[in-house]
């Protein structure tokens, strides 16, 4: 396995990969930098027959809701839901169009997920499962109609298997239940996720680069 492939290794919690110092995803925002650096073990997984690996799933591309183009609270919520709905498809197929269509280029953590998906598929990998079920959602906007605001959603993510090397055992990510808090921005035509952080049950939002946290301080995010 190449050094690039070795960087995509077994994660501690779900939501896929960051290509450096172990595998961390949105749920990895729970972890401190020291925790993340400790998650870079040698790859000791057993060799397997590539033909025995499960097929990529899901492979049906989610349809973008029309509400994404509506400058309303419903439009902001629909955009966050669509981003989450498109995650498992993106990781399974390497098609990042749906995810990129719902994020701002300024969202560093969002853009990292695009890079992760592309890297995984460049080296011949894919994922299985990891679908989101989105529960209760809220949105607190700024202005009328709102041009920005904070969307919060409860979610469950199913167990996910990452096949980063078809000749090795898949990495299994356990299911997770949490909340996501996203800074939403209206770009003149549609809503986009400007930043996001995970709210672990019983805690406040983690810092995903400052944007979502700063927005919740300024705009009073619903929790």
Protein backbone atom coordinates (compact mmCIF):
# COMPACT_ATOMS: atom_id res chain seq x y z
CA UNK A 1 0.00 0.00 0.00
CA UNK A 2 1.30 3.47 -0.87
CA UNK A 3 1.91 6.14 1.77
CA UNK A 4 -1.17 8.01 0.48
CA UNK A 5 -3.28 4.87 0.89
CA UNK A 6 -1.86 4.27 4.37
CA UNK A 7 -3.20 7.64 5.46
CA UNK A 8 -6.75 6.40 4.92
CA UNK A 9 -7.01 4.06 7.90
CA UNK A 10 -9.55 2.84 10.41
CA UNK A 11 -11.52 5.67 12.08
CA UNK A 12 -12.76 5.87 15.65
CA UNK A 13 -16.21 7.32 14.87
CA UNK A 14 -18.31 7.58 11.71
CA UNK A 15 -18.60 10.07 8.85
CA UNK A 16 -15.51 9.01 6.91
CA UNK A 17 -12.10 10.39 6.28
CA UNK A 18 -9.56 13.14 6.52
CA UNK A 19 -6.44 12.36 4.49
CA UNK A 20 -3.81 13.07 7.15
CA UNK A 21 -2.95 11.68 10.58
CA UNK A 22 -5.63 9.00 10.76
CA UNK A 23 -9.23 8.96 9.63
CA UNK A 24 -11.63 11.50 11.05
CA UNK A 25 -14.86 12.94 9.72
CA UNK A 26 -17.60 15.27 10.94
CA UNK A 27 -17.96 13.27 14.12
CA UNK A 28 -14.19 13.59 14.48
CA UNK A 29 -14.82 17.22 15.36
CA UNK A 30 -15.45 15.78 18.84
CA UNK A 31 -11.73 15.01 19.06
CA UNK A 32 -8.84 17.27 19.93
CA UNK A 33 -5.81 17.50 17.59
CA UNK A 34 -3.85 15.29 20.01
CA UNK A 35 -6.60 12.65 19.89
CA UNK A 36 -6.54 12.72 16.09
CA UNK A 37 -2.78 12.32 15.89
CA UNK A 38 -2.98 9.28 18.15
CA UNK A 39 -5.27 7.57 15.64
CA UNK A 40 -2.60 6.75 13.03
CA UNK A 41 -1.73 3.10 13.74
CA UNK A 42 0.12 0.80 11.38
CA UNK A 43 -2.21 -0.96 8.97
CA UNK A 44 -2.41 -4.52 10.32
CA UNK A 45 -5.61 -5.53 8.54
CA UNK A 46 -5.78 -8.99 7.01
CA UNK A 47 -5.50 -9.47 3.26
CA UNK A 48 -8.73 -10.41 1.48
CA UNK A 49 -9.83 -11.42 -2.01
CA UNK A 50 -10.94 -8.16 -3.70
CA UNK A 51 -13.85 -10.04 -5.30
CA UNK A 52 -15.25 -10.70 -1.81
CA UNK A 53 -15.61 -7.02 -1.00
CA UNK A 54 -19.15 -5.57 -0.80
CA UNK A 55 -20.25 -3.42 -3.69
CA UNK A 56 -20.49 0.38 -3.37
CA UNK A 57 -23.77 1.52 -1.83
CA UNK A 58 -25.85 3.65 -2.10
CA UNK A 59 -25.43 4.42 -5.80
CA UNK A 60 -28.72 6.25 -6.49
CA UNK A 61 -28.00 9.97 -6.77
CA UNK A 62 -30.16 12.08 -4.45
CA UNK A 63 -32.41 14.62 -6.16
CA UNK A 64 -31.87 18.22 -5.14
CA UNK A 65 -35.05 19.67 -3.60
CA UNK A 66 -36.54 22.75 -5.24
CA UNK A 67 -36.63 24.44 -1.82
CA UNK A 68 -32.84 24.94 -2.00
CA UNK A 69 -33.52 27.84 -4.36
CA UNK A 70 -36.06 29.47 -2.03
CA UNK A 71 -34.79 32.24 0.24
CA UNK A 72 -36.67 30.96 3.26
CA UNK A 73 -36.06 28.95 6.45
CA UNK A 74 -37.46 25.91 4.66
CA UNK A 75 -34.89 26.39 1.89
CA UNK A 76 -32.00 26.54 4.35
CA UNK A 77 -33.17 23.40 6.13
CA UNK A 78 -33.68 21.56 2.83
CA UNK A 79 -30.11 22.39 1.82
CA UNK A 80 -28.59 21.00 5.00
CA UNK A 81 -30.74 17.88 4.69
CA UNK A 82 -29.67 17.43 1.05
CA UNK A 83 -25.99 17.77 1.95
CA UNK A 84 -26.35 15.01 4.54
CA UNK A 85 -28.44 12.88 2.19
CA UNK A 86 -25.74 13.11 -0.49
CA UNK A 87 -22.84 12.11 1.78
CA UNK A 88 -23.15 8.30 1.54
CA UNK A 89 -23.69 8.51 -2.23
CA UNK A 90 -20.60 10.69 -2.62
CA UNK A 91 -18.42 8.30 -0.63
CA UNK A 92 -19.78 5.24 -2.43
CA UNK A 93 -19.44 6.57 -5.98
CA UNK A 94 -16.84 9.36 -5.91
CA UNK A 95 -19.39 11.72 -7.51
CA UNK A 96 -19.01 14.94 -5.51
CA UNK A 97 -21.40 17.11 -7.57
CA UNK A 98 -24.33 16.89 -5.14
CA UNK A 99 -22.20 17.71 -2.10
CA UNK A 100 -20.41 20.55 -3.87
CA UNK A 101 -23.76 21.96 -4.99
CA UNK A 102 -24.84 22.45 -1.39
CA UNK A 103 -21.67 23.89 0.20
CA UNK A 104 -19.80 27.16 0.05
CA UNK A 105 -16.22 27.04 -1.24
CA UNK A 106 -15.35 28.95 1.94
CA UNK A 107 -16.40 25.99 4.13
CA UNK A 108 -13.04 24.36 4.78
CA UNK A 109 -14.38 21.25 6.49
CA UNK A 110 -16.96 20.80 3.69
CA UNK A 111 -14.27 21.08 1.02
CA UNK A 112 -12.12 18.56 2.91
CA UNK A 113 -14.87 15.98 2.55
CA UNK A 114 -14.82 16.51 -1.22
CA UNK A 115 -11.06 15.96 -1.22
CA UNK A 116 -11.49 12.83 0.91
CA UNK A 117 -14.02 11.30 -1.46
CA UNK A 118 -11.89 12.07 -4.49
CA UNK A 119 -8.77 10.63 -2.84
CA UNK A 120 -10.57 7.46 -1.81
CA UNK A 121 -11.75 6.83 -5.37
CA UNK A 122 -8.49 7.87 -6.99
CA UNK A 123 -6.84 4.97 -5.16
CA UNK A 124 -9.58 2.55 -6.19
CA UNK A 125 -11.67 2.63 -3.02
CA UNK A 126 -15.32 3.17 -2.10
CA UNK A 127 -17.71 2.97 0.84
CA UNK A 128 -20.79 0.97 1.79
CA UNK A 129 -23.59 2.36 3.93
CA UNK A 130 -23.26 5.42 6.14
CA UNK A 131 -26.67 6.81 5.18
CA UNK A 132 -28.11 9.65 7.24
CA UNK A 133 -31.58 9.77 8.75
CA UNK A 134 -32.35 13.39 9.60
CA UNK A 135 -34.75 14.16 12.46
CA UNK A 136 -35.92 17.43 13.93
CA UNK A 137 -34.53 20.59 12.34
CA UNK A 138 -34.57 24.28 13.27
CA UNK A 139 -33.39 27.45 11.56
CA UNK A 140 -32.77 30.91 12.98
CA UNK A 141 -32.22 33.42 10.19
CA UNK A 142 -30.86 36.92 9.93
CA UNK A 143 -32.95 39.41 7.96
CA UNK A 144 -36.26 39.13 6.13
CA UNK A 145 -36.04 37.27 3.89
CA UNK A 146 -33.08 35.66 5.62
CA UNK A 147 -29.68 35.97 3.94
CA UNK A 148 -27.86 33.87 6.54
CA UNK A 149 -28.55 31.94 9.68
CA UNK A 150 -27.98 28.80 11.71
CA UNK A 151 -29.59 25.45 10.94
CA UNK A 152 -29.53 22.66 13.50
CA UNK A 153 -30.50 19.06 12.79
CA UNK A 154 -30.66 15.85 14.76
CA UNK A 155 -29.33 12.88 12.83
CA UNK A 156 -28.60 9.19 12.91
CA UNK A 157 -25.87 7.83 10.67
CA UNK A 158 -25.88 4.13 9.84
CA UNK A 159 -22.80 1.95 10.12
CA UNK A 160 -20.39 2.52 7.25
CA UNK A 161 -17.68 0.34 5.72
CA UNK A 162 -14.72 2.02 4.01
CA UNK A 163 -12.83 -0.01 1.41
CA UNK A 164 -9.70 2.09 0.93
CA UNK A 165 -7.70 -0.90 -0.40
CA UNK A 166 -9.74 -3.68 -2.05
CA UNK A 167 -7.07 -6.20 -1.07
CA UNK A 168 -7.47 -5.40 2.66
CA UNK A 169 -10.28 -5.80 5.17
CA UNK A 170 -12.73 -2.92 5.11
CA UNK A 171 -12.65 -0.32 7.88
CA UNK A 172 -15.96 -0.30 9.78
CA UNK A 173 -17.35 2.92 11.22
CA UNK A 174 -20.02 2.43 13.91
CA UNK A 175 -23.38 4.15 13.74
CA UNK A 176 -23.69 7.52 15.47
CA UNK A 177 -26.45 9.76 16.82
CA UNK A 178 -25.80 13.48 17.27
CA UNK A 179 -26.73 16.96 16.10
CA UNK A 180 -25.14 19.05 13.39
CA UNK A 181 -25.13 22.83 13.49
CA UNK A 182 -24.49 24.64 10.22
CA UNK A 183 -23.93 28.24 9.26
CA UNK A 184 -26.12 28.79 6.19
CA UNK A 185 -25.56 31.51 3.57
CA UNK A 186 -27.72 32.67 0.68
CA UNK A 187 -25.57 33.24 -2.43
CA UNK A 188 -28.21 35.08 -4.45
CA UNK A 189 -29.55 31.94 -6.11
CA UNK A 190 -29.53 29.18 -3.49
CA UNK A 191 -28.57 28.28 0.05
CA UNK A 192 -25.17 26.84 0.85
CA UNK A 193 -23.52 25.45 3.98
CA UNK A 194 -20.90 27.97 5.02
CA UNK A 195 -19.48 26.02 7.98
CA UNK A 196 -20.58 23.25 10.29
CA UNK A 197 -19.90 21.62 13.63
CA UNK A 198 -21.12 18.57 15.51
CA UNK A 199 -22.98 18.81 18.81
CA UNK A 200 -22.31 15.67 20.79
CA UNK A 201 -25.18 14.80 23.17
CA UNK A 202 -24.74 16.65 26.43
CA UNK A 203 -22.21 19.18 25.09
CA UNK A 204 -22.07 22.41 23.17
CA UNK A 205 -21.06 22.68 19.49
CA UNK A 206 -17.48 21.87 18.60
CA UNK A 207 -15.44 24.40 16.64
CA UNK A 208 -15.27 23.53 12.94
CA UNK A 209 -13.06 26.43 12.02
CA UNK A 210 -14.96 29.19 13.79
CA UNK A 211 -17.71 29.94 11.29
CA UNK A 212 -20.61 27.98 12.73
CA UNK A 213 -19.62 28.71 16.31
CA UNK A 214 -19.24 32.41 15.65
CA UNK A 215 -22.55 32.50 13.81
CA UNK A 216 -24.37 30.81 16.67
CA UNK A 217 -22.91 33.35 19.10
CA UNK A 218 -24.05 36.22 16.92
CA UNK A 219 -27.36 34.82 15.75
CA UNK A 220 -28.43 32.62 18.65
CA UNK A 221 -28.56 29.13 17.17
CA UNK A 222 -31.35 26.87 18.25
CA UNK A 223 -30.24 23.83 20.19
